[in-house]
C-alpha atoms as a PDB file:
ATOM      1  CA  MET A   1       0.026   0.005  -0.144  1.00  0.00           C
ATOM      2  CA  THR A   2       1.422   2.888  -1.359  1.00  0.00           C
ATOM      3  CA  TRP A   3       1.326   6.686   0.854  1.00  0.00           C
ATOM      4  CA  SER A   4      -1.108   7.795  -0.954  1.00  0.00           C
ATOM      5  CA  ALA A   5      -3.543   5.099  -0.560  1.00  0.00           C
ATOM      6  CA  LEU A   6      -3.146   5.269   2.672  1.00  0.00           C
ATOM      7  CA  ALA A   7      -3.544   9.058   3.292  1.00  0.00           C
ATOM      8  CA  ASP A   8      -6.651   8.824   1.080  1.00  0.00           C
ATOM      9  CA  VAL A   9      -8.050   5.863   3.170  1.00  0.00           C
ATOM     10  CA  VAL A  10      -7.270   8.255   6.318  1.00  0.00           C
ATOM     11  CA  THR A  11      -9.254  10.619   4.640  1.00  0.00           C
ATOM     12  CA  ALA A  12     -12.252   9.149   4.505  1.00  0.00           C
ATOM     13  CA  ALA A  13     -12.357   7.237   7.701  1.00  0.00           C
ATOM     14  CA  CYS A  14     -11.752  10.850   9.001  1.00  0.00           C
ATOM     15  CA  PHE A  15     -14.892  12.453   6.815  1.00  0.00           C
ATOM     16  CA  LEU A  16     -16.755   9.352   8.009  1.00  0.00           C
ATOM     17  CA  LEU A  17     -16.418   9.754  11.910  1.00  0.00           C
ATOM     18  CA  GLY A  18     -16.427  13.717  11.452  1.00  0.00           C
ATOM     19  CA  SER A  19     -19.556  13.599   9.443  1.00  0.00           C
ATOM     20  CA  ALA A  20     -21.124  10.848  11.931  1.00  0.00           C
ATOM     21  CA  LEU A  21     -20.624  13.071  15.229  1.00  0.00           C
ATOM     22  CA  ALA A  22     -22.281  15.918  13.038  1.00  0.00           C
ATOM     23  CA  LEU A  23     -25.345  13.854  12.381  1.00  0.00           C
ATOM     24  CA  ILE A  24     -25.272  12.854  16.135  1.00  0.00           C
ATOM     25  CA  ALA A  25     -25.085  16.593  17.101  1.00  0.00           C
ATOM     26  CA  ALA A  26     -28.451  17.108  14.596  1.00  0.00           C
ATOM     27  CA  ILE A  27     -30.229  14.562  15.866  1.00  0.00           C
ATOM     28  CA  GLY A  28     -29.228  15.030  19.550  1.00  0.00           C
ATOM     29  CA  LEU A  29     -30.964  19.108  19.037  1.00  0.00           C
ATOM     30  CA  THR A  30     -34.090  17.471  17.913  1.00  0.00           C
ATOM     31  CA  ARG A  31     -34.739  14.572  20.023  1.00  0.00           C
ATOM     32  CA  PHE A  32     -33.178  16.047  23.764  1.00  0.00           C
ATOM     33  CA  PRO A  33     -36.123  17.913  25.769  1.00  0.00           C
ATOM     34  CA  ASP A  34     -34.733  20.447  27.544  1.00  0.00           C
ATOM     35  CA  LEU A  35     -32.163  23.878  26.567  1.00  0.00           C
ATOM     36  CA  LEU A  36     -29.025  22.707  28.634  1.00  0.00           C
ATOM     37  CA  SER A  37     -29.304  18.858  27.057  1.00  0.00           C
ATOM     38  CA  ARG A  38     -29.022  20.305  23.385  1.00  0.00           C
ATOM     39  CA  MET A  39     -26.649  22.691  24.547  1.00  0.00           C
ATOM     40  CA  HIS A  40     -24.302  19.917  25.219  1.00  0.00           C
ATOM     41  CA  ALA A  41     -25.567  17.999  21.838  1.00  0.00           C
ATOM     42  CA  ALA A  42     -24.478  20.988  20.107  1.00  0.00           C
ATOM     43  CA  THR A  43     -21.207  21.671  21.221  1.00  0.00           C
ATOM     44  CA  LYS A  44     -19.771  17.653  22.104  1.00  0.00           C
ATOM     45  CA  PRO A  45     -19.697  15.955  19.351  1.00  0.00           C
ATOM     46  CA  GLN A  46     -19.577  19.170  16.790  1.00  0.00           C
ATOM     47  CA  VAL A  47     -16.051  20.459  17.744  1.00  0.00           C
ATOM     48  CA  LEU A  48     -14.933  16.618  17.501  1.00  0.00           C
ATOM     49  CA  GLY A  49     -16.657  16.116  14.405  1.00  0.00           C
ATOM     50  CA  LEU A  50     -15.401  19.180  12.775  1.00  0.00           C
ATOM     51  CA  THR A  51     -11.663  18.328  14.232  1.00  0.00           C
ATOM     52  CA  LEU A  52     -11.879  15.179  12.377  1.00  0.00           C
ATOM     53  CA  MET A  53     -13.451  16.875   9.338  1.00  0.00           C
ATOM     54  CA  VAL A  54     -10.606  19.936   9.064  1.00  0.00           C
ATOM     55  CA  THR A  55      -8.373  16.042  10.208  1.00  0.00           C
ATOM     56  CA  GLY A  56      -9.226  14.428   7.495  1.00  0.00           C
ATOM     57  CA  LEU A  57      -9.088  17.654   5.104  1.00  0.00           C
ATOM     58  CA  ALA A  58      -5.349  18.592   6.178  1.00  0.00           C
ATOM     59  CA  VAL A  59      -4.395  14.646   5.547  1.00  0.00           C
ATOM     60  CA  HIS A  60      -6.166  15.137   1.445  1.00  0.00           C
ATOM     61  CA  LEU A  61      -4.630  18.412   0.628  1.00  0.00           C
ATOM     62  CA  ARG A  62      -1.576  17.961   2.266  1.00  0.00           C
ATOM     63  CA  SER A  63       0.434  21.308   1.907  1.00  0.00           C
ATOM     64  CA  ALA A  64       1.999  23.557   4.691  1.00  0.00           C
ATOM     65  CA  ALA A  65      -0.041  26.558   4.326  1.00  0.00           C
ATOM     66  CA  VAL A  66      -3.329  25.258   4.055  1.00  0.00           C
ATOM     67  CA  LEU A  67      -2.361  23.318   7.672  1.00  0.00           C
ATOM     68  CA  GLY A  68      -1.695  26.455   9.453  1.00  0.00           C
ATOM     69  CA  THR A  69      -5.182  27.773   8.448  1.00  0.00           C
ATOM     70  CA  LEU A  70      -6.659  24.787   9.262  1.00  0.00           C
ATOM     71  CA  ALA A  71      -5.317  24.365  12.769  1.00  0.00           C
ATOM     72  CA  LEU A  72      -6.676  28.104  13.280  1.00  0.00           C
ATOM     73  CA  VAL A  73      -9.870  26.809  12.220  1.00  0.00           C
ATOM     74  CA  VAL A  74      -9.642  24.291  14.834  1.00  0.00           C
ATOM     75  CA  ILE A  75      -8.166  26.463  17.558  1.00  0.00           C
ATOM     76  CA  PHE A  76     -10.603  28.892  17.454  1.00  0.00           C
ATOM     77  CA  GLN A  77     -13.843  26.189  17.066  1.00  0.00           C
ATOM     78  CA  MET A  78     -12.282  24.960  20.214  1.00  0.00           C
ATOM     79  CA  ILE A  79     -12.009  28.463  22.490  1.00  0.00           C
ATOM     80  CA  THR A  80     -15.378  29.841  20.707  1.00  0.00           C
ATOM     81  CA  GLY A  81     -17.563  26.807  21.063  1.00  0.00           C
ATOM     82  CA  PRO A  82     -17.497  26.218  24.887  1.00  0.00           C
ATOM     83  CA  VAL A  83     -17.587  30.073  25.543  1.00  0.00           C
ATOM     84  CA  ALA A  84     -20.565  30.217  23.450  1.00  0.00           C
ATOM     85  CA  ALA A  85     -22.530  27.101  25.081  1.00  0.00           C
ATOM     86  CA  HIS A  86     -21.553  28.654  28.692  1.00  0.00           C
ATOM     87  CA  MET A  87     -23.364  31.731  27.736  1.00  0.00           C
ATOM     88  CA  VAL A  88     -26.456  30.282  26.178  1.00  0.00           C
ATOM     89  CA  GLY A  89     -26.756  28.495  29.175  1.00  0.00           C
ATOM     90  CA  ARG A  90     -26.516  30.957  31.892  1.00  0.00           C
ATOM     91  CA  ALA A  91     -29.068  32.858  29.313  1.00  0.00           C
ATOM     92  CA  GLY A  92     -31.375  29.974  29.143  1.00  0.00           C
ATOM     93  CA  TYR A  93     -30.868  29.443  32.601  1.00  0.00           C
ATOM     94  CA  ARG A  94     -31.328  33.480  33.989  1.00  0.00           C
ATOM     95  CA  THR A  95     -34.828  33.574  31.399  1.00  0.00           C
ATOM     96  CA  ALA A  96     -36.000  29.931  33.146  1.00  0.00           C
ATOM     97  CA  LYS A  97     -35.981  28.689  29.132  1.00  0.00           C
ATOM     98  CA  ILE A  98     -34.554  25.305  31.367  1.00  0.00           C
ATOM     99  CA  ARG A  99     -36.324  22.422  33.025  1.00  0.00           C
ATOM    100  CA  HIS A 100     -34.762  22.422  36.777  1.00  0.00           C
ATOM    101  CA  ASP A 101     -36.422  19.526  37.609  1.00  0.00           C
ATOM    102  CA  LEU A 102     -33.544  17.411  35.166  1.00  0.00           C
ATOM    103  CA  LEU A 103     -31.228  19.201  37.312  1.00  0.00           C
ATOM    104  CA  VAL A 104     -28.972  17.046  39.835  1.00  0.00           C
ATOM    105  CA  ARG A 105     -27.221  19.788  41.292  1.00  0.00           C
ATOM    106  CA  ASP A 106     -27.908  23.364  40.668  1.00  0.00           C
ATOM    107  CA  GLU A 107     -24.984  25.170  41.766  1.00  0.00           C
ATOM    108  CA  LEU A 108     -25.795  28.776  40.038  1.00  0.00           C
ATOM    109  CA  THR A 109     -28.700  28.892  41.790  1.00  0.00           C
ATOM    110  CA  GLU A 110     -26.697  28.539  45.346  1.00  0.00           C
ATOM    111  CA  ASP A 111     -23.993  31.401  43.633  1.00  0.00           C
ATOM    112  CA  LEU A 112     -26.851  33.709  42.568  1.00  0.00           C
ATOM    113  CA  GLU A 113     -28.556  33.503  45.871  1.00  0.00           C
ATOM    114  CA  ALA A 114     -25.068  34.239  47.679  1.00  0.00           C
ATOM    115  CA  ALA A 115     -24.413  37.519  45.436  1.00  0.00           C
ATOM    116  CA  ARG A 116     -27.894  38.469  46.195  1.00  0.00           C
ATOM    117  CA  ARG A 117     -26.945  38.476  50.340  1.00  0.00           C
ATOM    118  CA  GLY A 118     -23.287  40.044  49.524  1.00  0.00           C
ATOM    119  CA  LEU A 119     -21.218  36.642  49.438  1.00  0.00           C
ATOM    120  CA  VAL A 120     -18.685  36.122  47.711  1.00  0.00           C
ATOM    121  CA  PRO A 121     -18.886  32.818  45.850  1.00  0.00           C
ATOM    122  CA  GLY A 122     -15.677  30.954  46.211  1.00  0.00           C
ATOM    123  CA  ALA A 123     -14.759  33.258  49.187  1.00  0.00           C
ATOM    124  CA  GLY A 124     -14.991  30.346  51.973  1.00  0.00           C
ATOM    125  CA  THR A 125     -12.276  28.690  53.721  1.00  0.00           C
ATOM    126  CA  GLY A 126     -10.805  27.203  50.995  1.00  0.00           C
ATOM    127  CA  THR A 127     -12.588  24.655  49.040  1.00  0.00           C
ATOM    128  CA  GLY A 128     -13.709  27.258  46.019  1.00  0.00           C
ATOM    129  CA  THR A 129     -17.105  26.727  45.971  1.00  0.00           C
ATOM    130  CA  GLY A 130     -18.242  29.577  48.321  1.00  0.00           C
ATOM    131  CA  ARG A 131     -21.047  26.964  50.138  1.00  0.00           C
ATOM    132  CA  ASP A 132     -18.760  26.957  52.938  1.00  0.00           C
ATOM    133  CA  ALA A 133     -19.033  30.236  54.258  1.00  0.00           C
ATOM    134  CA  GLU A 134     -22.811  30.158  55.042  1.00  0.00           C
END
């Protein structure tokens, strides 16, 4: 097997796996019941799927200039994806768009209540959670 044939197999595998993860993310967006679950489905497999697709493209093109650009795409996706998901989650939480019955632990409510009382979250005896000051 030549290097070119092996690169084509790796490219095809990356494209198929990346596409499968994008499909799983799309199914999760339509099937999950609440905002937080949908947000998880939109960010986790989507970032890995994009990374696999970009990896397949980099192996297929085999160009140093393109590799740098594709690396920047992956880096920016990994930086902006979690930040955007965090902000959407907080906005959804503050506007009551989430289902509280599905939450196992609700730390944000505790932190918001501590902030309303004038306590600084995380300023306890060293645990960093802010719950030991109460």
